[in-house]
Amino acid sequence: MSSAIEKDLVIVGGGPAGLSAAIYAQRAMLDTVTLEQEAVGGQVVLTSDVDNYPGVPHTDGFSLVDAMQRQAEDLGAQIVMENVSSIARDEETGLFAVKTTSCEYEAKTVIVAGGATPRKAGFEGELEYAGKGVSYCATCDGMFFRGREVFVIGGGNSAAEEALFLTRFAEKVTLIVRKDHLRAQAAVAEKLNNNPKTSIRFLTSIVGVSGEGSIQRITFRNNETSEEYAEEFEQGVGVFVFVGRVPASELVANLVERNGVGYVVANERMETKTPGLFVAGDVREKPLRQIVTAASDGAIAATSASAYLGHPVDS
């Protein structure tokens, strides 16, 4: 590993958790690099309305993350756009080898803050029509369905909020919920019920989509009777999928304990079972996944990494 770039800390992921960790790492004077493979901010940059981050009312995800990034870089944080291909630990030295597509880092500590990616719904044609009617981002693709009909799969907060956002563009928004109730918070559900452009089909699933270049036919299933029926559309319609996320934990699967759906198990100090390896944000097992909790995780993880390196930070 003589050619590796030596660092006190490597942060994998540049979302709110990673950026918060970078800020605290700079304050602790750790030689740190933050690696992000797609866009700084992760999924948060796609959020059109953020009104629950303390002290920053009525903003959007991009603006909030942009402020976080500028704050981190003003403190001297190094943010590099790189795809991390592997993370390994040398049991003899205790050092981590973090390999990217172009180089390798030798790190004394690592914080995994890669977040989570959209989970697929599993209906026929989902992959075939991805980008041709099937979407996982209302902010990205909602404008393409201006004046058209769209369907949103899911019954949680994300699905309800994205459905409300889509009413800005679509003529009609139908929420497809496989159970007989919404899991969304009461305030969000009330907004959905009161919007004249929205409707909800409970106990319903989409089993397939088809069409010539766009989605012109959707096959539904009544989950109570198992009856299937199809609907035809003259104009291409949109199917937006919000059925949860898959944690980006595969890189450290052999270094951490994970729960049944892949989230990393860590203690309140963000420590995993591997000494020197910490976790923060949506990739970890936790009761609430919000921007504010991700930022909190990042602060704790960086502080814990500093203490692990023998540089405790005053609380």
C-alpha atoms as a PDB file:
ATOM      1  CA  MET A   1       0.000   0.000   0.000  1.00  0.00           C
ATOM      2  CA  SER A   2       3.020   2.322  -0.434  1.00  0.00           C
ATOM      3  CA  SER A   3       1.314   4.190  -3.274  1.00  0.00           C
ATOM      4  CA  ALA A   4      -1.883   4.724  -1.307  1.00  0.00           C
ATOM      5  CA  ILE A   5      -2.927   8.197  -0.184  1.00  0.00           C
ATOM      6  CA  GLU A   6      -2.760   8.290   3.611  1.00  0.00           C
ATOM      7  CA  LYS A   7      -5.661   9.825   5.517  1.00  0.00           C
ATOM      8  CA  ASP A   8      -6.835   9.998   9.112  1.00  0.00           C
ATOM      9  CA  LEU A   9     -10.411   9.592   7.925  1.00  0.00           C
ATOM     10  CA  VAL A  10     -12.203   8.669   4.731  1.00  0.00           C
ATOM     11  CA  ILE A  11     -15.904   9.545   4.549  1.00  0.00           C
ATOM     12  CA  VAL A  12     -17.838   7.510   1.996  1.00  0.00           C
ATOM     13  CA  GLY A  13     -20.868   9.503   0.905  1.00  0.00           C
ATOM     14  CA  GLY A  14     -21.492  13.208   0.422  1.00  0.00           C
ATOM     15  CA  GLY A  15     -25.074  13.571   1.637  1.00  0.00           C
ATOM     16  CA  PRO A  16     -26.093  15.458   4.793  1.00  0.00           C
ATOM     17  CA  ALA A  17     -24.508  12.775   7.014  1.00  0.00           C
ATOM     18  CA  GLY A  18     -21.225  12.846   5.106  1.00  0.00           C
ATOM     19  CA  LEU A  19     -21.091  16.635   4.890  1.00  0.00           C
ATOM     20  CA  SER A  20     -21.858  16.988   8.593  1.00  0.00           C
ATOM     21  CA  ALA A  21     -19.095  14.469   9.337  1.00  0.00           C
ATOM     22  CA  ALA A  22     -16.725  16.461   7.109  1.00  0.00           C
ATOM     23  CA  ILE A  23     -17.501  19.674   9.005  1.00  0.00           C
ATOM     24  CA  TYR A  24     -16.841  18.064  12.377  1.00  0.00           C
ATOM     25  CA  ALA A  25     -13.732  16.296  11.079  1.00  0.00           C
ATOM     26  CA  GLN A  26     -12.281  19.623   9.950  1.00  0.00           C
ATOM     27  CA  ARG A  27     -13.031  21.143  13.333  1.00  0.00           C
ATOM     28  CA  ALA A  28     -11.170  18.200  14.883  1.00  0.00           C
ATOM     29  CA  MET A  29      -8.242  18.868  12.482  1.00  0.00           C
ATOM     30  CA  LEU A  30      -8.362  15.393  10.959  1.00  0.00           C
ATOM     31  CA  ASP A  31      -6.781  14.840   7.550  1.00  0.00           C
ATOM     32  CA  THR A  32      -9.987  13.818   5.786  1.00  0.00           C
ATOM     33  CA  VAL A  33     -11.392  13.188   2.336  1.00  0.00           C
ATOM     34  CA  THR A  34     -15.074  12.809   1.485  1.00  0.00           C
ATOM     35  CA  LEU A  35     -15.874  10.576  -1.490  1.00  0.00           C
ATOM     36  CA  GLU A  36     -19.154  10.885  -3.409  1.00  0.00           C
ATOM     37  CA  GLN A  37     -19.923   8.906  -6.554  1.00  0.00           C
ATOM     38  CA  GLU A  38     -22.893  10.801  -8.010  1.00  0.00           C
ATOM     39  CA  ALA A  39     -23.847  14.237  -6.723  1.00  0.00           C
ATOM     40  CA  VAL A  40     -22.993  15.954  -3.464  1.00  0.00           C
ATOM     41  CA  GLY A  41     -26.102  15.853  -1.321  1.00  0.00           C
ATOM     42  CA  GLY A  42     -27.336  12.474  -2.516  1.00  0.00           C
ATOM     43  CA  GLN A  43     -31.100  11.969  -2.646  1.00  0.00           C
ATOM     44  CA  VAL A  44     -31.754  15.164  -0.701  1.00  0.00           C
ATOM     45  CA  VAL A  45     -30.975  17.395  -3.698  1.00  0.00           C
ATOM     46  CA  LEU A  46     -34.095  15.964  -5.364  1.00  0.00           C
ATOM     47  CA  THR A  47     -36.396  17.147  -2.549  1.00  0.00           C
ATOM     48  CA  SER A  48     -38.358  20.178  -3.657  1.00  0.00           C
ATOM     49  CA  ASP A  49     -39.654  21.316  -0.260  1.00  0.00           C
ATOM     50  CA  VAL A  50     -37.865  21.091   3.082  1.00  0.00           C
ATOM     51  CA  ASP A  51     -39.664  22.747   5.966  1.00  0.00           C
ATOM     52  CA  ASN A  52     -38.605  20.585   8.906  1.00  0.00           C
ATOM     53  CA  TYR A  53     -34.888  21.382   9.177  1.00  0.00           C
ATOM     54  CA  PRO A  54     -34.500  23.532  12.316  1.00  0.00           C
ATOM     55  CA  GLY A  55     -33.484  27.107  11.653  1.00  0.00           C
ATOM     56  CA  VAL A  56     -33.930  26.880   7.871  1.00  0.00           C
ATOM     57  CA  PRO A  57     -37.656  27.220   7.123  1.00  0.00           C
ATOM     58  CA  HIS A  58     -39.159  26.903   3.642  1.00  0.00           C
ATOM     59  CA  THR A  59     -36.142  25.770   1.662  1.00  0.00           C
ATOM     60  CA  ASP A  60     -35.414  22.995  -0.804  1.00  0.00           C
ATOM     61  CA  GLY A  61     -32.983  20.100  -0.724  1.00  0.00           C
ATOM     62  CA  PHE A  62     -30.529  21.559  -3.224  1.00  0.00           C
ATOM     63  CA  SER A  63     -30.244  24.898  -1.424  1.00  0.00           C
ATOM     64  CA  LEU A  64     -29.822  23.256   1.970  1.00  0.00           C
ATOM     65  CA  VAL A  65     -27.144  20.837   0.762  1.00  0.00           C
ATOM     66  CA  ASP A  66     -25.383  23.598  -1.176  1.00  0.00           C
ATOM     67  CA  ALA A  67     -25.077  25.571   2.060  1.00  0.00           C
ATOM     68  CA  MET A  68     -23.742  22.478   3.857  1.00  0.00           C
ATOM     69  CA  GLN A  69     -21.153  21.872   1.141  1.00  0.00           C
ATOM     70  CA  ARG A  70     -19.987  25.492   1.120  1.00  0.00           C
ATOM     71  CA  GLN A  71     -19.680  25.442   4.904  1.00  0.00           C
ATOM     72  CA  ALA A  72     -17.608  22.249   4.808  1.00  0.00           C
ATOM     73  CA  GLU A  73     -15.338  23.528   2.037  1.00  0.00           C
ATOM     74  CA  ASP A  74     -14.905  26.886   3.750  1.00  0.00           C
ATOM     75  CA  LEU A  75     -13.516  24.935   6.689  1.00  0.00           C
ATOM     76  CA  GLY A  76     -11.089  23.164   4.345  1.00  0.00           C
ATOM     77  CA  ALA A  77     -12.971  19.941   3.634  1.00  0.00           C
ATOM     78  CA  GLN A  78     -11.770  17.957   0.610  1.00  0.00           C
ATOM     79  CA  ILE A  79     -14.662  16.526  -1.424  1.00  0.00           C
ATOM     80  CA  VAL A  80     -13.763  14.234  -4.310  1.00  0.00           C
ATOM     81  CA  MET A  81     -16.135  12.761  -6.884  1.00  0.00           C
ATOM     82  CA  GLU A  82     -15.107   9.111  -6.908  1.00  0.00           C
ATOM     83  CA  ASN A  83     -16.825   5.730  -6.977  1.00  0.00           C
ATOM     84  CA  VAL A  84     -15.650   3.528  -4.085  1.00  0.00           C
ATOM     85  CA  SER A  85     -15.171  -0.045  -5.295  1.00  0.00           C
ATOM     86  CA  SER A  86     -14.058  -1.749  -2.076  1.00  0.00           C
ATOM     87  CA  ILE A  87     -13.297  -1.240   1.596  1.00  0.00           C
ATOM     88  CA  ALA A  88     -11.047  -3.682   3.478  1.00  0.00           C
ATOM     89  CA  ARG A  89      -9.248  -3.662   6.824  1.00  0.00           C
ATOM     90  CA  ASP A  90      -5.786  -5.018   7.543  1.00  0.00           C
ATOM     91  CA  GLU A  91      -6.167  -6.931  10.806  1.00  0.00           C
ATOM     92  CA  GLU A  92      -2.464  -6.569  11.603  1.00  0.00           C
ATOM     93  CA  THR A  93      -2.162  -2.797  11.175  1.00  0.00           C
ATOM     94  CA  GLY A  94      -5.801  -1.844  11.719  1.00  0.00           C
ATOM     95  CA  LEU A  95      -5.680   0.356   8.626  1.00  0.00           C
ATOM     96  CA  PHE A  96      -8.386   0.478   5.981  1.00  0.00           C
ATOM     97  CA  ALA A  97      -7.812   0.186   2.247  1.00  0.00           C
ATOM     98  CA  VAL A  98     -10.450   2.251   0.440  1.00  0.00           C
ATOM     99  CA  LYS A  99     -10.210   1.675  -3.305  1.00  0.00           C
ATOM    100  CA  THR A 100     -11.828   3.926  -5.887  1.00  0.00           C
ATOM    101  CA  THR A 101     -11.905   3.814  -9.669  1.00  0.00           C
ATOM    102  CA  SER A 102      -8.710   5.874  -9.884  1.00  0.00           C
ATOM    103  CA  CYS A 103      -6.743   5.497  -6.653  1.00  0.00           C
ATOM    104  CA  GLU A 104      -6.468   3.930  -3.213  1.00  0.00           C
ATOM    105  CA  TYR A 105      -6.628   5.507   0.229  1.00  0.00           C
ATOM    106  CA  GLU A 106      -5.022   4.154   3.374  1.00  0.00           C
ATOM    107  CA  ALA A 107      -7.233   5.322   6.210  1.00  0.00           C
ATOM    108  CA  LYS A 108      -6.975   5.062   9.968  1.00  0.00           C
ATOM    109  CA  THR A 109     -10.758   5.413  10.230  1.00  0.00           C
ATOM    110  CA  VAL A 110     -13.723   5.250   7.858  1.00  0.00           C
ATOM    111  CA  ILE A 111     -17.251   6.628   8.061  1.00  0.00           C
ATOM    112  CA  VAL A 112     -19.779   4.941   5.777  1.00  0.00           C
ATOM    113  CA  ALA A 113     -22.507   7.450   4.901  1.00  0.00           C
ATOM    114  CA  GLY A 114     -23.662   6.202   1.517  1.00  0.00           C
ATOM    115  CA  GLY A 115     -27.368   6.467   2.241  1.00  0.00           C
ATOM    116  CA  ALA A 116     -29.891   4.316   0.407  1.00  0.00           C
ATOM    117  CA  THR A 117     -31.252   3.953  -3.134  1.00  0.00           C
ATOM    118  CA  PRO A 118     -34.847   3.526  -4.323  1.00  0.00           C
ATOM    119  CA  ARG A 119     -36.288   0.037  -3.980  1.00  0.00           C
ATOM    120  CA  LYS A 120     -37.912  -1.503  -7.067  1.00  0.00           C
ATOM    121  CA  ALA A 121     -41.621  -2.370  -6.912  1.00  0.00           C
ATOM    122  CA  GLY A 122     -41.173  -5.550  -8.954  1.00  0.00           C
ATOM    123  CA  PHE A 123     -43.956  -5.240 -11.540  1.00  0.00           C
ATOM    124  CA  GLU A 124     -43.599  -6.483 -15.112  1.00  0.00           C
ATOM    125  CA  GLY A 125     -42.048  -3.844 -17.371  1.00  0.00           C
ATOM    126  CA  GLU A 126     -40.589  -1.816 -14.485  1.00  0.00           C
ATOM    127  CA  LEU A 127     -37.005  -2.012 -15.707  1.00  0.00           C
ATOM    128  CA  GLU A 128     -37.943  -1.875 -19.399  1.00  0.00           C
ATOM    129  CA  TYR A 129     -39.859   1.379 -18.971  1.00  0.00           C
ATOM    130  CA  ALA A 130     -37.456   3.033 -16.512  1.00  0.00           C
ATOM    131  CA  GLY A 131     -36.960   6.504 -17.946  1.00  0.00           C
ATOM    132  CA  LYS A 132     -39.830   5.912 -20.370  1.00  0.00           C
ATOM    133  CA  GLY A 133     -42.661   6.371 -17.919  1.00  0.00           C
ATOM    134  CA  VAL A 134     -41.370   4.628 -14.807  1.00  0.00           C
ATOM    135  CA  SER A 135     -39.568   6.984 -12.437  1.00  0.00           C
ATOM    136  CA  TYR A 136     -38.231   7.058  -8.889  1.00  0.00           C
ATOM    137  CA  CYS A 137     -37.927  10.843  -8.692  1.00  0.00           C
ATOM    138  CA  ALA A 138     -40.892  13.190  -8.979  1.00  0.00           C
ATOM    139  CA  THR A 139     -38.663  16.271  -8.870  1.00  0.00           C
ATOM    140  CA  CYS A 140     -36.601  14.964 -11.775  1.00  0.00           C
ATOM    141  CA  ASP A 141     -39.380  13.726 -14.056  1.00  0.00           C
ATOM    142  CA  GLY A 142     -42.642  15.329 -12.962  1.00  0.00           C
ATOM    143  CA  MET A 143     -42.416  18.055 -15.611  1.00  0.00           C
ATOM    144  CA  PHE A 144     -42.527  15.443 -18.377  1.00  0.00           C
ATOM    145  CA  PHE A 145     -46.099  14.596 -17.407  1.00  0.00           C
ATOM    146  CA  ARG A 146     -47.541  18.085 -17.489  1.00  0.00           C
ATOM    147  CA  GLY A 147     -51.286  17.825 -18.101  1.00  0.00           C
ATOM    148  CA  ARG A 148     -51.216  14.015 -18.040  1.00  0.00           C
ATOM    149  CA  GLU A 149     -52.208  11.291 -15.600  1.00  0.00           C
ATOM    150  CA  VAL A 150     -49.708   9.710 -13.243  1.00  0.00           C
ATOM    151  CA  PHE A 151     -49.777   6.883 -10.719  1.00  0.00           C
ATOM    152  CA  VAL A 152     -47.718   6.794  -7.534  1.00  0.00           C
ATOM    153  CA  ILE A 153     -46.916   3.445  -5.905  1.00  0.00           C
ATOM    154  CA  GLY A 154     -46.550   3.510  -2.120  1.00  0.00           C
ATOM    155  CA  GLY A 155     -48.373   4.440   1.058  1.00  0.00           C
ATOM    156  CA  GLY A 156     -45.707   6.095   3.203  1.00  0.00           C
ATOM    157  CA  ASN A 157     -44.584   9.694   3.672  1.00  0.00           C
ATOM    158  CA  SER A 158     -42.353   9.723   0.594  1.00  0.00           C
ATOM    159  CA  ALA A 159     -45.099   8.444  -1.700  1.00  0.00           C
ATOM    160  CA  ALA A 160     -47.677  10.896  -0.334  1.00  0.00           C
ATOM    161  CA  GLU A 161     -45.316  13.873  -0.490  1.00  0.00           C
ATOM    162  CA  GLU A 162     -44.194  13.023  -4.015  1.00  0.00           C
ATOM    163  CA  ALA A 163     -47.826  12.598  -5.084  1.00  0.00           C
ATOM    164  CA  LEU A 164     -48.578  16.094  -3.798  1.00  0.00           C
ATOM    165  CA  PHE A 165     -45.572  17.471  -5.642  1.00  0.00           C
ATOM    166  CA  LEU A 166     -46.730  15.836  -8.875  1.00  0.00           C
ATOM    167  CA  THR A 167     -50.036  17.725  -8.713  1.00  0.00           C
ATOM    168  CA  ARG A 168     -48.057  20.767  -9.852  1.00  0.00           C
ATOM    169  CA  PHE A 169     -47.713  19.147 -13.262  1.00  0.00           C
ATOM    170  CA  ALA A 170     -50.136  16.256 -13.712  1.00  0.00           C
ATOM    171  CA  GLU A 171     -53.827  16.589 -14.380  1.00  0.00           C
ATOM    172  CA  LYS A 172     -54.604  13.627 -12.145  1.00  0.00           C
ATOM    173  CA  VAL A 173     -52.505  11.788  -9.545  1.00  0.00           C
ATOM    174  CA  THR A 174     -53.583   8.372  -8.248  1.00  0.00           C
ATOM    175  CA  LEU A 175     -51.858   6.815  -5.272  1.00  0.00           C
ATOM    176  CA  ILE A 176     -51.663   3.015  -5.475  1.00  0.00           C
ATOM    177  CA  VAL A 177     -51.573   1.514  -1.969  1.00  0.00           C
ATOM    178  CA  ARG A 178     -51.314  -2.248  -1.543  1.00  0.00           C
ATOM    179  CA  LYS A 179     -52.770  -2.168   1.985  1.00  0.00           C
ATOM    180  CA  ASP A 180     -56.056  -0.746   3.259  1.00  0.00           C
ATOM    181  CA  HIS A 181     -54.489   2.325   4.856  1.00  0.00           C
ATOM    182  CA  LEU A 182     -51.810   4.970   4.450  1.00  0.00           C
ATOM    183  CA  ARG A 183     -48.636   4.874   6.521  1.00  0.00           C
ATOM    184  CA  ALA A 184     -48.004   8.560   5.886  1.00  0.00           C
ATOM    185  CA  GLN A 185     -48.155  11.022   8.740  1.00  0.00           C
ATOM    186  CA  ALA A 186     -51.595  12.454   9.434  1.00  0.00           C
ATOM    187  CA  ALA A 187     -50.720  15.980   8.261  1.00  0.00           C
ATOM    188  CA  VAL A 188     -49.428  14.703   4.916  1.00  0.00           C
ATOM    189  CA  ALA A 189     -52.406  12.359   4.460  1.00  0.00           C
ATOM    190  CA  GLU A 190     -54.795  15.234   5.131  1.00  0.00           C
ATOM    191  CA  LYS A 191     -53.172  17.339   2.406  1.00  0.00           C
ATOM    192  CA  LEU A 192     -53.487  14.406   0.029  1.00  0.00           C
ATOM    193  CA  ASN A 193     -57.154  13.845   0.828  1.00  0.00           C
ATOM    194  CA  ASN A 194     -57.952  17.529   0.422  1.00  0.00           C
ATOM    195  CA  ASN A 195     -56.251  17.958  -2.954  1.00  0.00           C
ATOM    196  CA  PRO A 196     -58.787  17.838  -5.824  1.00  0.00           C
ATOM    197  CA  LYS A 197     -56.202  16.348  -8.188  1.00  0.00           C
ATOM    198  CA  THR A 198     -55.445  13.289  -6.051  1.00  0.00           C
ATOM    199  CA  SER A 199     -57.201   9.993  -5.412  1.00  0.00           C
ATOM    200  CA  ILE A 200     -56.220   6.791  -3.620  1.00  0.00           C
ATOM    201  CA  ARG A 201     -56.765   3.169  -4.583  1.00  0.00           C
ATOM    202  CA  PHE A 202     -56.356   1.035  -1.504  1.00  0.00           C
ATOM    203  CA  LEU A 203     -55.747  -2.730  -1.598  1.00  0.00           C
ATOM    204  CA  THR A 204     -54.341  -2.345  -5.098  1.00  0.00           C
ATOM    205  CA  SER A 205     -51.080  -3.225  -6.830  1.00  0.00           C
ATOM    206  CA  ILE A 206     -49.667  -2.611 -10.297  1.00  0.00           C
ATOM    207  CA  VAL A 207     -48.629  -5.929 -11.824  1.00  0.00           C
ATOM    208  CA  GLY A 208     -47.492  -4.743 -15.229  1.00  0.00           C
ATOM    209  CA  VAL A 209     -47.071  -1.863 -17.689  1.00  0.00           C
ATOM    210  CA  SER A 210     -46.773  -1.838 -21.471  1.00  0.00           C
ATOM    211  CA  GLY A 211     -47.042   0.422 -24.534  1.00  0.00           C
ATOM    212  CA  GLU A 212     -45.293   1.654 -27.647  1.00  0.00           C
ATOM    213  CA  GLY A 213     -42.418   3.795 -26.409  1.00  0.00           C
ATOM    214  CA  SER A 214     -44.413   4.965 -23.389  1.00  0.00           C
ATOM    215  CA  ILE A 215     -46.790   3.485 -20.825  1.00  0.00           C
ATOM    216  CA  GLN A 216     -50.201   3.190 -22.461  1.00  0.00           C
ATOM    217  CA  ARG A 217     -51.539   0.202 -20.567  1.00  0.00           C
ATOM    218  CA  ILE A 218     -51.411  -0.677 -16.870  1.00  0.00           C
ATOM    219  CA  THR A 219     -52.562  -3.937 -15.343  1.00  0.00           C
ATOM    220  CA  PHE A 220     -53.789  -3.660 -11.754  1.00  0.00           C
ATOM    221  CA  ARG A 221     -54.614  -6.272  -9.132  1.00  0.00           C
ATOM    222  CA  ASN A 222     -57.235  -6.013  -6.432  1.00  0.00           C
ATOM    223  CA  ASN A 223     -55.338  -7.369  -3.431  1.00  0.00           C
ATOM    224  CA  GLU A 224     -58.557  -8.284  -1.647  1.00  0.00           C
ATOM    225  CA  THR A 225     -60.088 -10.399  -4.451  1.00  0.00           C
ATOM    226  CA  SER A 226     -56.912 -11.126  -6.503  1.00  0.00           C
ATOM    227  CA  GLU A 227     -58.816  -9.952  -9.585  1.00  0.00           C
ATOM    228  CA  GLU A 228     -56.666  -8.352 -12.274  1.00  0.00           C
ATOM    229  CA  TYR A 229     -57.845  -5.666 -14.676  1.00  0.00           C
ATOM    230  CA  ALA A 230     -56.200  -3.409 -17.249  1.00  0.00           C
ATOM    231  CA  GLU A 231     -56.659   0.247 -18.148  1.00  0.00           C
ATOM    232  CA  GLU A 232     -55.691   1.879 -21.452  1.00  0.00           C
ATOM    233  CA  PHE A 233     -54.423   5.441 -21.906  1.00  0.00           C
ATOM    234  CA  GLU A 234     -54.250   7.453 -25.111  1.00  0.00           C
ATOM    235  CA  GLN A 235     -51.360   9.553 -23.837  1.00  0.00           C
ATOM    236  CA  GLY A 236     -48.395   8.018 -22.100  1.00  0.00           C
ATOM    237  CA  VAL A 237     -48.795   8.045 -18.341  1.00  0.00           C
ATOM    238  CA  GLY A 238     -46.254   8.070 -15.554  1.00  0.00           C
ATOM    239  CA  VAL A 239     -45.696   5.483 -12.845  1.00  0.00           C
ATOM    240  CA  PHE A 240     -43.673   6.825  -9.920  1.00  0.00           C
ATOM    241  CA  VAL A 241     -42.333   4.260  -7.463  1.00  0.00           C
ATOM    242  CA  PHE A 242     -41.791   5.089  -3.779  1.00  0.00           C
ATOM    243  CA  VAL A 243     -41.737   1.797  -1.874  1.00  0.00           C
ATOM    244  CA  GLY A 244     -38.726   2.271   0.329  1.00  0.00           C
ATOM    245  CA  ARG A 245     -34.983   2.271  -0.119  1.00  0.00           C
ATOM    246  CA  VAL A 246     -32.105  -0.173  -0.246  1.00  0.00           C
ATOM    247  CA  PRO A 247     -29.198   0.771   2.062  1.00  0.00           C
ATOM    248  CA  ALA A 248     -25.788   1.125   0.433  1.00  0.00           C
ATOM    249  CA  SER A 249     -24.124  -1.293   2.825  1.00  0.00           C
ATOM    250  CA  GLU A 250     -22.706  -3.963   0.491  1.00  0.00           C
ATOM    251  CA  LEU A 251     -19.234  -2.394   0.522  1.00  0.00           C
ATOM    252  CA  VAL A 252     -18.856  -3.220   4.212  1.00  0.00           C
ATOM    253  CA  ALA A 253     -21.066  -6.303   4.416  1.00  0.00           C
ATOM    254  CA  ASN A 254     -18.212  -8.422   5.806  1.00  0.00           C
ATOM    255  CA  LEU A 255     -17.123  -5.749   8.296  1.00  0.00           C
ATOM    256  CA  VAL A 256     -20.425  -4.892   9.979  1.00  0.00           C
ATOM    257  CA  GLU A 257     -23.544  -6.424  11.406  1.00  0.00           C
ATOM    258  CA  ARG A 258     -26.673  -5.781   9.317  1.00  0.00           C
ATOM    259  CA  ASN A 259     -30.346  -6.246  10.062  1.00  0.00           C
ATOM    260  CA  GLY A 260     -32.727  -8.309   7.970  1.00  0.00           C
ATOM    261  CA  VAL A 261     -33.118  -5.665   5.256  1.00  0.00           C
ATOM    262  CA  GLY A 262     -29.484  -4.608   5.028  1.00  0.00           C
ATOM    263  CA  TYR A 263     -29.231  -1.595   7.329  1.00  0.00           C
ATOM    264  CA  VAL A 264     -25.996  -1.403   9.332  1.00  0.00           C
ATOM    265  CA  VAL A 265     -26.268  -1.952  13.071  1.00  0.00           C
ATOM    266  CA  ALA A 266     -24.317   0.560  15.152  1.00  0.00           C
ATOM    267  CA  ASN A 267     -24.355   1.908  18.691  1.00  0.00           C
ATOM    268  CA  GLU A 268     -25.152   5.455  19.782  1.00  0.00           C
ATOM    269  CA  ARG A 269     -21.572   6.495  18.984  1.00  0.00           C
ATOM    270  CA  MET A 270     -22.042   5.249  15.399  1.00  0.00           C
ATOM    271  CA  GLU A 271     -19.491   2.493  16.042  1.00  0.00           C
ATOM    272  CA  THR A 272     -19.826  -0.774  14.128  1.00  0.00           C
ATOM    273  CA  LYS A 273     -18.408  -4.117  15.191  1.00  0.00           C
ATOM    274  CA  THR A 274     -15.160  -3.285  13.361  1.00  0.00           C
ATOM    275  CA  PRO A 275     -12.838  -0.928  15.293  1.00  0.00           C
ATOM    276  CA  GLY A 276     -12.322   2.321  13.407  1.00  0.00           C
ATOM    277  CA  LEU A 277     -15.335   1.822  11.139  1.00  0.00           C
ATOM    278  CA  PHE A 278     -18.285   4.122  11.758  1.00  0.00           C
ATOM    279  CA  VAL A 279     -21.624   4.617  10.038  1.00  0.00           C
ATOM    280  CA  ALA A 280     -23.958   7.587   9.647  1.00  0.00           C
ATOM    281  CA  GLY A 281     -27.225   8.524   7.989  1.00  0.00           C
ATOM    282  CA  ASP A 282     -29.802   6.480   6.124  1.00  0.00           C
ATOM    283  CA  VAL A 283     -27.510   3.481   5.691  1.00  0.00           C
ATOM    284  CA  ARG A 284     -27.784   2.616   9.375  1.00  0.00           C
ATOM    285  CA  GLU A 285     -30.579   1.001  11.391  1.00  0.00           C
ATOM    286  CA  LYS A 286     -32.540   3.799  13.065  1.00  0.00           C
ATOM    287  CA  PRO A 287     -36.136   4.773  13.918  1.00  0.00           C
ATOM    288  CA  LEU A 288     -36.220   8.002  11.882  1.00  0.00           C
ATOM    289  CA  ARG A 289     -34.541   8.859   8.568  1.00  0.00           C
ATOM    290  CA  GLN A 290     -34.596  12.616   8.078  1.00  0.00           C
ATOM    291  CA  ILE A 291     -32.051  15.241   7.045  1.00  0.00           C
ATOM    292  CA  VAL A 292     -31.688  16.422  10.627  1.00  0.00           C
ATOM    293  CA  THR A 293     -31.002  12.910  11.965  1.00  0.00           C
ATOM    294  CA  ALA A 294     -28.491  12.269   9.185  1.00  0.00           C
ATOM    295  CA  ALA A 295     -26.639  15.459  10.109  1.00  0.00           C
ATOM    296  CA  SER A 296     -26.682  14.406  13.755  1.00  0.00           C
ATOM    297  CA  ASP A 297     -25.275  10.981  12.863  1.00  0.00           C
ATOM    298  CA  GLY A 298     -22.458  12.580  10.880  1.00  0.00           C
ATOM    299  CA  ALA A 299     -21.479  14.842  13.755  1.00  0.00           C
ATOM    300  CA  ILE A 300     -21.406  11.928  16.190  1.00  0.00           C
ATOM    301  CA  ALA A 301     -19.504   9.658  13.805  1.00  0.00           C
ATOM    302  CA  ALA A 302     -16.779  12.228  13.142  1.00  0.00           C
ATOM    303  CA  THR A 303     -16.462  12.983  16.851  1.00  0.00           C
ATOM    304  CA  SER A 304     -16.211   9.254  17.590  1.00  0.00           C
ATOM    305  CA  ALA A 305     -13.571   8.826  14.881  1.00  0.00           C
ATOM    306  CA  SER A 306     -11.579  11.679  16.389  1.00  0.00           C
ATOM    307  CA  ALA A 307     -11.751  10.066  19.830  1.00  0.00           C
ATOM    308  CA  TYR A 308     -10.728   6.699  18.332  1.00  0.00           C
ATOM    309  CA  LEU A 309      -7.633   8.414  16.912  1.00  0.00           C
ATOM    310  CA  GLY A 310      -6.773   9.812  20.323  1.00  0.00           C
ATOM    311  CA  HIS A 311      -8.117  13.312  19.733  1.00  0.00           C
ATOM    312  CA  PRO A 312     -11.314  13.538  21.804  1.00  0.00           C
ATOM    313  CA  VAL A 313     -13.548  16.505  21.067  1.00  0.00           C
ATOM    314  CA  ASP A 314     -15.107  18.419  23.934  1.00  0.00           C
ATOM    315  CA  SER A 315     -18.872  17.912  24.064  1.00  0.00           C
END
